[in-house]
Amino acid sequence: MNLNTILPLIAILALSGCATSKTTYLNNGEQGLSIDCSGEANSWATCYEKADASCAGTGYRIVGTDGTPAPKESDKTLGVDVGNYKNRSVVVVCK
């Protein structure tokens, strides 16, 4: 492989994101999951998909969200949300 084929692959991998989750505890002692799905390549839907997968299909309850709100369609450029780095995180409790 030469450098011209490796660089685009690295760029694609850098832009493609995945949601990460870690165990957290709420103030009342309940165990939950803190899910981070920040970045241009992710969306709020990525957070909820990760929550569903992490809870093994049993369902979940959203305890809190934090981050950049989803833009209105009229604020997108050619249907795509282009701009600053997006921060998104959600805390859920599996049912």
N, C-alpha and C. Protein backbone atom coordinates (compact mmCIF):
# COMPACT_ATOMS: atom_id res chain seq x y z
N MET A 1 0.85 -1.18 0.00
CA MET A 1 0.00 0.00 0.00
C MET A 1 0.89 1.24 0.00
N ASN A 2 0.50 2.19 -0.81
CA ASN A 2 1.27 3.43 -0.80
C ASN A 2 0.57 4.48 0.05
N LEU A 3 1.24 5.59 0.23
CA LEU A 3 0.74 6.64 1.11
C LEU A 3 -0.57 7.24 0.61
N ASN A 4 -0.77 7.25 -0.70
CA ASN A 4 -2.01 7.82 -1.26
C ASN A 4 -3.25 7.00 -0.93
N THR A 5 -3.09 5.73 -0.63
CA THR A 5 -4.26 4.93 -0.24
C THR A 5 -4.41 4.85 1.27
N ILE A 6 -3.34 5.04 2.00
CA ILE A 6 -3.41 4.96 3.45
C ILE A 6 -4.01 6.23 4.06
N LEU A 7 -3.64 7.40 3.54
CA LEU A 7 -4.13 8.65 4.10
C LEU A 7 -5.65 8.78 4.07
N PRO A 8 -6.32 8.46 2.96
CA PRO A 8 -7.79 8.52 2.99
C PRO A 8 -8.41 7.55 3.99
N LEU A 9 -7.82 6.39 4.16
CA LEU A 9 -8.33 5.43 5.14
C LEU A 9 -8.20 5.97 6.55
N ILE A 10 -7.10 6.61 6.85
CA ILE A 10 -6.91 7.21 8.16
C ILE A 10 -7.92 8.32 8.39
N ALA A 11 -8.16 9.14 7.37
CA ALA A 11 -9.13 10.23 7.49
C ALA A 11 -10.53 9.69 7.74
N ILE A 12 -10.91 8.65 7.06
CA ILE A 12 -12.24 8.05 7.24
C ILE A 12 -12.37 7.49 8.65
N LEU A 13 -11.36 6.80 9.12
CA LEU A 13 -11.41 6.25 10.47
C LEU A 13 -11.47 7.34 11.52
N ALA A 14 -10.79 8.46 11.28
CA ALA A 14 -10.81 9.56 12.25
C ALA A 14 -12.18 10.22 12.31
N LEU A 15 -12.86 10.32 11.18
CA LEU A 15 -14.17 10.96 11.14
C LEU A 15 -15.30 10.04 11.59
N SER A 16 -15.10 8.76 11.40
CA SER A 16 -16.15 7.83 11.83
C SER A 16 -16.06 7.67 13.33
N GLY A 17 -17.16 7.82 13.96
CA GLY A 17 -17.14 7.74 15.42
C GLY A 17 -17.98 6.59 15.91
N CYS A 18 -17.80 6.32 17.15
CA CYS A 18 -18.66 5.33 17.77
C CYS A 18 -18.95 5.80 19.18
N ALA A 19 -20.07 5.41 19.67
CA ALA A 19 -20.47 5.80 21.02
C ALA A 19 -19.76 4.91 22.03
N THR A 20 -19.40 5.50 23.14
CA THR A 20 -18.78 4.73 24.21
C THR A 20 -19.66 4.83 25.46
N SER A 21 -19.65 3.80 26.25
CA SER A 21 -20.44 3.83 27.47
C SER A 21 -19.59 3.37 28.65
N LYS A 22 -19.92 3.90 29.81
CA LYS A 22 -19.26 3.47 31.04
C LYS A 22 -20.28 3.49 32.16
N THR A 23 -20.05 2.64 33.13
CA THR A 23 -20.93 2.55 34.28
C THR A 23 -20.80 3.79 35.14
N THR A 24 -21.94 4.27 35.61
CA THR A 24 -21.96 5.43 36.50
C THR A 24 -22.99 5.17 37.59
N TYR A 25 -22.92 5.92 38.66
CA TYR A 25 -23.89 5.77 39.74
C TYR A 25 -24.59 7.10 39.98
N LEU A 26 -25.89 7.04 40.08
CA LEU A 26 -26.70 8.24 40.32
C LEU A 26 -26.63 8.63 41.79
N ASN A 27 -27.10 9.81 42.10
CA ASN A 27 -27.10 10.29 43.48
C ASN A 27 -27.86 9.37 44.44
N ASN A 28 -28.88 8.70 43.91
CA ASN A 28 -29.66 7.80 44.77
C ASN A 28 -29.05 6.39 44.87
N GLY A 29 -27.85 6.19 44.30
CA GLY A 29 -27.16 4.91 44.36
C GLY A 29 -27.49 3.97 43.22
N GLU A 30 -28.45 4.34 42.39
CA GLU A 30 -28.84 3.50 41.26
C GLU A 30 -27.72 3.45 40.22
N GLN A 31 -27.50 2.27 39.64
CA GLN A 31 -26.47 2.12 38.62
C GLN A 31 -27.03 2.50 37.26
N GLY A 32 -26.26 3.25 36.50
CA GLY A 32 -26.68 3.65 35.17
C GLY A 32 -25.52 3.57 34.20
N LEU A 33 -25.76 4.03 33.00
CA LEU A 33 -24.73 4.08 31.96
C LEU A 33 -24.59 5.51 31.48
N SER A 34 -23.36 5.98 31.39
CA SER A 34 -23.08 7.27 30.80
C SER A 34 -22.57 6.99 29.39
N ILE A 35 -23.29 7.48 28.40
CA ILE A 35 -22.97 7.20 27.00
C ILE A 35 -22.53 8.48 26.33
N ASP A 36 -21.34 8.43 25.71
CA ASP A 36 -20.78 9.58 25.00
C ASP A 36 -20.83 9.29 23.51
N CYS A 37 -21.50 10.14 22.77
CA CYS A 37 -21.58 9.97 21.32
C CYS A 37 -21.28 11.31 20.65
N SER A 38 -20.22 11.94 21.11
CA SER A 38 -19.80 13.23 20.58
C SER A 38 -19.14 13.06 19.22
N GLY A 39 -19.06 14.15 18.49
CA GLY A 39 -18.35 14.18 17.22
C GLY A 39 -19.26 14.43 16.04
N GLU A 40 -18.64 14.82 14.95
CA GLU A 40 -19.37 15.12 13.72
C GLU A 40 -20.02 13.89 13.12
N ALA A 41 -19.38 12.72 13.26
CA ALA A 41 -19.88 11.51 12.61
C ALA A 41 -21.04 10.87 13.35
N ASN A 42 -21.32 11.30 14.58
CA ASN A 42 -22.39 10.72 15.38
C ASN A 42 -23.61 11.62 15.42
N SER A 43 -24.65 11.14 16.05
CA SER A 43 -25.87 11.92 16.22
C SER A 43 -26.51 11.48 17.54
N TRP A 44 -27.60 12.15 17.89
CA TRP A 44 -28.32 11.73 19.11
C TRP A 44 -28.84 10.31 18.93
N ALA A 45 -29.19 9.94 17.70
CA ALA A 45 -29.67 8.58 17.45
C ALA A 45 -28.60 7.56 17.80
N THR A 46 -27.33 7.91 17.59
CA THR A 46 -26.23 7.00 17.95
C THR A 46 -26.23 6.73 19.45
N CYS A 47 -26.50 7.76 20.24
CA CYS A 47 -26.58 7.60 21.71
C CYS A 47 -27.67 6.59 22.07
N TYR A 48 -28.84 6.77 21.48
CA TYR A 48 -29.97 5.92 21.82
C TYR A 48 -29.78 4.50 21.32
N GLU A 49 -29.12 4.33 20.17
CA GLU A 49 -28.82 2.99 19.67
C GLU A 49 -27.84 2.28 20.60
N LYS A 50 -26.84 3.02 21.10
CA LYS A 50 -25.87 2.45 22.03
C LYS A 50 -26.56 2.08 23.34
N ALA A 51 -27.49 2.93 23.80
CA ALA A 51 -28.23 2.63 25.03
C ALA A 51 -29.03 1.34 24.86
N ASP A 52 -29.69 1.21 23.73
CA ASP A 52 -30.50 0.01 23.48
C ASP A 52 -29.62 -1.24 23.44
N ALA A 53 -28.48 -1.14 22.75
CA ALA A 53 -27.56 -2.28 22.66
C ALA A 53 -26.94 -2.59 24.02
N SER A 54 -26.61 -1.58 24.80
CA SER A 54 -25.99 -1.79 26.11
C SER A 54 -26.96 -2.40 27.11
N CYS A 55 -28.23 -2.13 26.93
CA CYS A 55 -29.24 -2.67 27.84
C CYS A 55 -29.81 -3.99 27.34
N ALA A 56 -29.18 -4.57 26.36
CA ALA A 56 -29.52 -5.90 25.83
C ALA A 56 -30.99 -6.04 25.45
N GLY A 57 -31.57 -4.97 24.91
CA GLY A 57 -32.93 -5.04 24.44
C GLY A 57 -34.00 -5.02 25.53
N THR A 58 -33.62 -4.81 26.79
CA THR A 58 -34.61 -4.78 27.88
C THR A 58 -35.26 -3.42 28.01
N GLY A 59 -34.73 -2.43 27.30
CA GLY A 59 -35.24 -1.07 27.39
C GLY A 59 -34.44 -0.25 28.38
N TYR A 60 -34.67 1.04 28.36
CA TYR A 60 -33.93 1.93 29.24
C TYR A 60 -34.75 3.17 29.54
N ARG A 61 -34.36 3.84 30.60
CA ARG A 61 -34.99 5.10 30.99
C ARG A 61 -33.91 6.17 30.91
N ILE A 62 -34.21 7.28 30.21
CA ILE A 62 -33.25 8.38 30.09
C ILE A 62 -33.30 9.19 31.37
N VAL A 63 -32.14 9.36 32.00
CA VAL A 63 -32.04 10.11 33.24
C VAL A 63 -31.61 11.55 32.94
N GLY A 64 -30.75 11.73 31.96
CA GLY A 64 -30.30 13.08 31.62
C GLY A 64 -29.57 13.11 30.29
N THR A 65 -29.57 14.28 29.68
CA THR A 65 -28.84 14.49 28.44
C THR A 65 -28.04 15.78 28.57
N ASP A 66 -26.97 15.85 27.81
CA ASP A 66 -26.15 17.05 27.80
C ASP A 66 -25.48 17.14 26.44
N GLY A 67 -25.44 18.33 25.89
CA GLY A 67 -24.73 18.50 24.64
C GLY A 67 -25.38 19.47 23.69
N THR A 68 -24.85 19.46 22.49
CA THR A 68 -25.29 20.34 21.43
C THR A 68 -26.65 19.86 20.94
N PRO A 69 -27.67 20.73 20.94
CA PRO A 69 -28.98 20.29 20.46
C PRO A 69 -28.97 19.98 18.97
N ALA A 70 -29.85 19.11 18.56
CA ALA A 70 -29.98 18.79 17.14
C ALA A 70 -30.50 20.02 16.40
N PRO A 71 -29.88 20.37 15.27
CA PRO A 71 -30.31 21.56 14.53
C PRO A 71 -31.62 21.33 13.79
N LYS A 72 -32.30 22.44 13.52
CA LYS A 72 -33.50 22.38 12.69
C LYS A 72 -33.07 22.10 11.26
N GLU A 73 -33.94 21.51 10.48
CA GLU A 73 -33.63 21.22 9.08
C GLU A 73 -33.23 22.49 8.32
N SER A 74 -33.85 23.61 8.65
CA SER A 74 -33.56 24.86 7.95
C SER A 74 -32.15 25.39 8.27
N ASP A 75 -31.55 24.90 9.35
CA ASP A 75 -30.20 25.33 9.72
C ASP A 75 -29.10 24.46 9.11
N LYS A 76 -29.49 23.41 8.41
CA LYS A 76 -28.50 22.51 7.81
C LYS A 76 -28.09 23.00 6.42
N THR A 77 -26.89 22.62 5.99
CA THR A 77 -26.39 22.94 4.68
C THR A 77 -26.55 21.72 3.80
N LEU A 78 -27.39 21.81 2.78
CA LEU A 78 -27.69 20.70 1.89
C LEU A 78 -28.12 19.46 2.66
N GLY A 79 -28.87 19.67 3.72
CA GLY A 79 -29.39 18.57 4.52
C GLY A 79 -28.42 17.97 5.51
N VAL A 80 -27.22 18.57 5.63
CA VAL A 80 -26.20 18.04 6.52
C VAL A 80 -25.84 19.09 7.56
N ASP A 81 -25.67 18.66 8.77
CA ASP A 81 -25.25 19.57 9.85
C ASP A 81 -23.74 19.72 9.80
N VAL A 82 -23.27 20.80 9.23
CA VAL A 82 -21.85 21.06 9.08
C VAL A 82 -21.47 22.15 10.07
N GLY A 83 -20.38 21.97 10.76
CA GLY A 83 -19.96 23.03 11.67
C GLY A 83 -19.05 22.56 12.76
N ASN A 84 -19.26 23.11 13.91
CA ASN A 84 -18.38 22.85 15.04
C ASN A 84 -18.52 21.44 15.57
N TYR A 85 -17.53 21.03 16.34
CA TYR A 85 -17.55 19.73 17.00
C TYR A 85 -18.77 19.65 17.91
N LYS A 86 -19.45 18.56 17.85
CA LYS A 86 -20.68 18.38 18.61
C LYS A 86 -20.41 17.55 19.86
N ASN A 87 -20.88 18.03 20.99
CA ASN A 87 -20.80 17.27 22.24
C ASN A 87 -22.17 16.68 22.54
N ARG A 88 -22.21 15.38 22.80
CA ARG A 88 -23.46 14.71 23.13
C ARG A 88 -23.18 13.63 24.16
N SER A 89 -23.96 13.62 25.20
CA SER A 89 -23.89 12.52 26.16
C SER A 89 -25.27 12.32 26.78
N VAL A 90 -25.53 11.10 27.17
CA VAL A 90 -26.81 10.75 27.77
C VAL A 90 -26.55 9.76 28.90
N VAL A 91 -27.31 9.89 29.96
CA VAL A 91 -27.23 8.93 31.07
C VAL A 91 -28.55 8.17 31.09
N VAL A 92 -28.44 6.83 31.09
CA VAL A 92 -29.63 5.99 31.08
C VAL A 92 -29.53 4.95 32.19
N VAL A 93 -30.69 4.42 32.55
CA VAL A 93 -30.78 3.30 33.50
C VAL A 93 -31.51 2.19 32.76
N CYS A 94 -30.89 1.03 32.68
CA CYS A 94 -31.54 -0.10 32.03
C CYS A 94 -32.70 -0.61 32.86
N LYS A 95 -33.75 -1.06 32.19
CA LYS A 95 -34.94 -1.59 32.88
C LYS A 95 -34.74 -3.04 33.25
